[in-house]
Amino acid sequence: MDSDNDAAKAGLDEVSGHIQVLNARLAQLRKSGAVTAAADAPLEDLQDYYERAVQLRTMRITTLEEEKTELAGKASTAAAKLYRFQALLAVCGLGLVGALVENTFPGTALDILNEYWSHGLLAVIVAIMVKRCT
């Protein structure tokens, strides 16, 4: 994506350079008298329109870059909120399953918790480390 943006900027710089060269050439022709008065006004208008087109294109690129940065920030914020929601949902789901098991088979959930609490703690620690590293 950045290479496309760099290529667009390079193309815009190239076009701007050509316009500057042509403007200098036009100024030389005006000084030498090679441009007639009838052709001078349309040439000036054309020159102004090209310069304005380059300005508008530059502003458009700048605006799109700013919008892209803002949207990337919003996307990362939304991803963080989604991750927190998923974690909360997982905890609630595990609690619900535990409650259902305990209700169906009294004493079983406590036995399972006593037997496998270290495995659960290790799983939580690994999940936290993976999330921090990515």
C-alpha atoms as a PDB file:
ATOM      1  CA  MET A   1       0.000   0.000   0.000  1.00  0.00           C
ATOM      2  CA  ASP A   2       2.822   2.386   0.857  1.00  0.00           C
ATOM      3  CA  SER A   3       4.615   1.541  -2.389  1.00  0.00           C
ATOM      4  CA  ASP A   4       1.470   2.516  -4.318  1.00  0.00           C
ATOM      5  CA  ASN A   5       1.337   5.783  -2.404  1.00  0.00           C
ATOM      6  CA  ASP A   6       5.040   6.406  -3.079  1.00  0.00           C
ATOM      7  CA  ALA A   7       4.480   5.700  -6.770  1.00  0.00           C
ATOM      8  CA  ALA A   8       1.528   8.116  -6.839  1.00  0.00           C
ATOM      9  CA  LYS A   9       3.635  10.809  -5.183  1.00  0.00           C
ATOM     10  CA  ALA A  10       6.472  10.216  -7.639  1.00  0.00           C
ATOM     11  CA  GLY A  11       4.031  10.488 -10.554  1.00  0.00           C
ATOM     12  CA  LEU A  12       2.585  13.682  -9.137  1.00  0.00           C
ATOM     13  CA  ASP A  13       6.080  15.132  -8.672  1.00  0.00           C
ATOM     14  CA  GLU A  14       6.935  14.197 -12.257  1.00  0.00           C
ATOM     15  CA  VAL A  15       3.804  15.884 -13.631  1.00  0.00           C
ATOM     16  CA  SER A  16       4.478  18.974 -11.515  1.00  0.00           C
ATOM     17  CA  GLY A  17       8.012  19.097 -12.895  1.00  0.00           C
ATOM     18  CA  HIS A  18       6.770  18.882 -16.472  1.00  0.00           C
ATOM     19  CA  ILE A  19       4.267  21.670 -15.827  1.00  0.00           C
ATOM     20  CA  GLN A  20       7.033  23.871 -14.411  1.00  0.00           C
ATOM     21  CA  VAL A  21       9.229  23.178 -17.451  1.00  0.00           C
ATOM     22  CA  LEU A  22       6.379  24.000 -19.817  1.00  0.00           C
ATOM     23  CA  ASN A  23       5.572  27.175 -17.873  1.00  0.00           C
ATOM     24  CA  ALA A  24       9.200  28.290 -18.207  1.00  0.00           C
ATOM     25  CA  ARG A  25       9.131  27.502 -21.930  1.00  0.00           C
ATOM     26  CA  LEU A  26       5.892  29.438 -22.336  1.00  0.00           C
ATOM     27  CA  ALA A  27       7.432  32.416 -20.533  1.00  0.00           C
ATOM     28  CA  GLN A  28      10.387  32.326 -22.954  1.00  0.00           C
ATOM     29  CA  LEU A  29       8.047  32.204 -25.951  1.00  0.00           C
ATOM     30  CA  ARG A  30       6.112  35.181 -24.592  1.00  0.00           C
ATOM     31  CA  LYS A  31       9.310  37.177 -24.155  1.00  0.00           C
ATOM     32  CA  SER A  32      10.471  36.360 -27.671  1.00  0.00           C
ATOM     33  CA  GLY A  33       7.105  37.386 -29.111  1.00  0.00           C
ATOM     34  CA  ALA A  34       6.409  33.947 -30.629  1.00  0.00           C
ATOM     35  CA  VAL A  35       3.040  33.762 -28.844  1.00  0.00           C
ATOM     36  CA  THR A  36       0.365  35.966 -30.343  1.00  0.00           C
ATOM     37  CA  ALA A  37      -1.991  37.997 -28.195  1.00  0.00           C
ATOM     38  CA  ALA A  38      -4.932  35.845 -29.314  1.00  0.00           C
ATOM     39  CA  ALA A  39      -3.231  32.651 -28.090  1.00  0.00           C
ATOM     40  CA  ASP A  40      -1.851  34.165 -24.908  1.00  0.00           C
ATOM     41  CA  ALA A  41      -5.111  34.295 -22.895  1.00  0.00           C
ATOM     42  CA  PRO A  42      -6.132  30.647 -23.551  1.00  0.00           C
ATOM     43  CA  LEU A  43      -2.583  29.525 -22.780  1.00  0.00           C
ATOM     44  CA  GLU A  44      -2.662  31.359 -19.456  1.00  0.00           C
ATOM     45  CA  ASP A  45      -6.032  29.779 -18.657  1.00  0.00           C
ATOM     46  CA  LEU A  46      -4.709  26.344 -19.538  1.00  0.00           C
ATOM     47  CA  GLN A  47      -1.652  26.952 -17.399  1.00  0.00           C
ATOM     48  CA  ASP A  48      -3.842  28.015 -14.454  1.00  0.00           C
ATOM     49  CA  TYR A  49      -6.107  24.978 -14.841  1.00  0.00           C
ATOM     50  CA  TYR A  50      -3.183  22.570 -14.858  1.00  0.00           C
ATOM     51  CA  GLU A  51      -1.691  24.143 -11.755  1.00  0.00           C
ATOM     52  CA  ARG A  52      -5.083  24.001 -10.042  1.00  0.00           C
ATOM     53  CA  ALA A  53      -5.522  20.345 -11.027  1.00  0.00           C
ATOM     54  CA  VAL A  54      -2.186  19.486  -9.439  1.00  0.00           C
ATOM     55  CA  GLN A  55      -3.141  21.381  -6.270  1.00  0.00           C
ATOM     56  CA  LEU A  56      -6.489  19.590  -6.036  1.00  0.00           C
ATOM     57  CA  ARG A  57      -4.847  16.202  -6.570  1.00  0.00           C
ATOM     58  CA  THR A  58      -2.306  16.944  -3.852  1.00  0.00           C
ATOM     59  CA  MET A  59      -5.048  17.982  -1.423  1.00  0.00           C
ATOM     60  CA  ARG A  60      -7.038  14.833  -2.254  1.00  0.00           C
ATOM     61  CA  ILE A  61      -4.032  12.595  -1.572  1.00  0.00           C
ATOM     62  CA  THR A  62      -3.359  14.360   1.734  1.00  0.00           C
ATOM     63  CA  THR A  63      -7.009  14.026   2.777  1.00  0.00           C
ATOM     64  CA  LEU A  64      -7.091  10.321   1.938  1.00  0.00           C
ATOM     65  CA  GLU A  65      -3.878   9.691   3.873  1.00  0.00           C
ATOM     66  CA  GLU A  66      -5.340  11.404   6.951  1.00  0.00           C
ATOM     67  CA  GLU A  67      -8.592   9.439   6.632  1.00  0.00           C
ATOM     68  CA  LYS A  68      -6.623   6.207   6.309  1.00  0.00           C
ATOM     69  CA  THR A  69      -4.706   6.977   9.499  1.00  0.00           C
ATOM     70  CA  GLU A  70      -7.913   7.803  11.386  1.00  0.00           C
ATOM     71  CA  LEU A  71      -9.633   4.624  10.184  1.00  0.00           C
ATOM     72  CA  ALA A  72      -6.632   2.499  11.135  1.00  0.00           C
ATOM     73  CA  GLY A  73      -6.811   3.932  14.656  1.00  0.00           C
ATOM     74  CA  LYS A  74     -10.539   3.233  14.863  1.00  0.00           C
ATOM     75  CA  ALA A  75     -10.005  -0.315  13.588  1.00  0.00           C
ATOM     76  CA  SER A  76      -7.368  -1.065  16.210  1.00  0.00           C
ATOM     77  CA  THR A  77      -9.627   0.343  18.935  1.00  0.00           C
ATOM     78  CA  ALA A  78     -12.524  -1.789  17.703  1.00  0.00           C
ATOM     79  CA  ALA A  79     -10.283  -4.879  17.614  1.00  0.00           C
ATOM     80  CA  ALA A  80      -9.219  -4.272  21.217  1.00  0.00           C
ATOM     81  CA  LYS A  81     -12.841  -3.893  22.315  1.00  0.00           C
ATOM     82  CA  LEU A  82     -13.768  -7.058  20.444  1.00  0.00           C
ATOM     83  CA  TYR A  83     -10.967  -8.978  22.150  1.00  0.00           C
ATOM     84  CA  ARG A  84     -12.141  -7.827  25.575  1.00  0.00           C
ATOM     85  CA  PHE A  85     -15.712  -8.797  24.724  1.00  0.00           C
ATOM     86  CA  GLN A  86     -14.578 -12.249  23.566  1.00  0.00           C
ATOM     87  CA  ALA A  87     -12.634 -12.757  26.779  1.00  0.00           C
ATOM     88  CA  LEU A  88     -15.653 -11.730  28.859  1.00  0.00           C
ATOM     89  CA  LEU A  89     -17.890 -14.014  26.822  1.00  0.00           C
ATOM     90  CA  ALA A  90     -15.481 -16.932  27.312  1.00  0.00           C
ATOM     91  CA  VAL A  91     -15.374 -16.385  31.075  1.00  0.00           C
ATOM     92  CA  CYS A  92     -19.158 -16.159  31.250  1.00  0.00           C
ATOM     93  CA  GLY A  93     -19.490 -19.297  29.117  1.00  0.00           C
ATOM     94  CA  LEU A  94     -17.120 -21.241  31.352  1.00  0.00           C
ATOM     95  CA  GLY A  95     -18.996 -20.027  34.413  1.00  0.00           C
ATOM     96  CA  LEU A  96     -22.298 -21.092  32.881  1.00  0.00           C
ATOM     97  CA  VAL A  97     -20.949 -24.544  31.990  1.00  0.00           C
ATOM     98  CA  GLY A  98     -19.565 -24.908  35.529  1.00  0.00           C
ATOM     99  CA  ALA A  99     -22.887 -23.880  37.020  1.00  0.00           C
ATOM    100  CA  LEU A 100     -24.777 -26.354  34.827  1.00  0.00           C
ATOM    101  CA  VAL A 101     -22.399 -29.188  35.709  1.00  0.00           C
ATOM    102  CA  GLU A 102     -22.649 -28.352  39.416  1.00  0.00           C
ATOM    103  CA  ASN A 103     -26.433 -28.187  39.230  1.00  0.00           C
ATOM    104  CA  THR A 104     -26.691 -31.490  37.366  1.00  0.00           C
ATOM    105  CA  PHE A 105     -24.022 -33.378  39.312  1.00  0.00           C
ATOM    106  CA  PRO A 106     -23.593 -31.762  42.751  1.00  0.00           C
ATOM    107  CA  GLY A 107     -19.969 -31.631  43.903  1.00  0.00           C
ATOM    108  CA  THR A 108     -18.535 -32.513  40.471  1.00  0.00           C
ATOM    109  CA  ALA A 109     -17.590 -28.983  39.419  1.00  0.00           C
ATOM    110  CA  LEU A 110     -15.693 -28.437  42.653  1.00  0.00           C
ATOM    111  CA  ASP A 111     -13.827 -31.717  42.189  1.00  0.00           C
ATOM    112  CA  ILE A 112     -12.909 -30.767  38.615  1.00  0.00           C
ATOM    113  CA  LEU A 113     -11.782 -27.324  39.766  1.00  0.00           C
ATOM    114  CA  ASN A 114      -9.648 -28.792  42.553  1.00  0.00           C
ATOM    115  CA  GLU A 115      -8.051 -31.290  40.182  1.00  0.00           C
ATOM    116  CA  TYR A 116      -7.393 -29.065  37.144  1.00  0.00           C
ATOM    117  CA  TRP A 117      -6.966 -25.513  38.513  1.00  0.00           C
ATOM    118  CA  SER A 118      -3.257 -25.471  37.606  1.00  0.00           C
ATOM    119  CA  HIS A 119      -4.039 -26.384  33.988  1.00  0.00           C
ATOM    120  CA  GLY A 120      -6.547 -23.561  33.780  1.00  0.00           C
ATOM    121  CA  LEU A 121      -4.123 -21.084  35.288  1.00  0.00           C
ATOM    122  CA  LEU A 122      -1.444 -22.124  32.804  1.00  0.00           C
ATOM    123  CA  ALA A 123      -3.884 -21.716  29.924  1.00  0.00           C
ATOM    124  CA  VAL A 124      -4.772 -18.197  31.089  1.00  0.00           C
ATOM    125  CA  ILE A 125      -1.090 -17.233  31.412  1.00  0.00           C
ATOM    126  CA  VAL A 126      -0.313 -18.574  27.925  1.00  0.00           C
ATOM    127  CA  ALA A 127      -3.312 -16.737  26.442  1.00  0.00           C
ATOM    128  CA  ILE A 128      -2.168 -13.480  28.035  1.00  0.00           C
ATOM    129  CA  MET A 129       1.398 -13.933  26.766  1.00  0.00           C
ATOM    130  CA  VAL A 130       0.231 -14.751  23.232  1.00  0.00           C
ATOM    131  CA  LYS A 131      -1.984 -11.677  23.189  1.00  0.00           C
ATOM    132  CA  ARG A 132       0.850  -9.446  24.406  1.00  0.00           C
ATOM    133  CA  CYS A 133       3.255 -10.791  21.774  1.00  0.00           C
ATOM    134  CA  THR A 134       0.904 -10.313  18.823  1.00  0.00           C
END
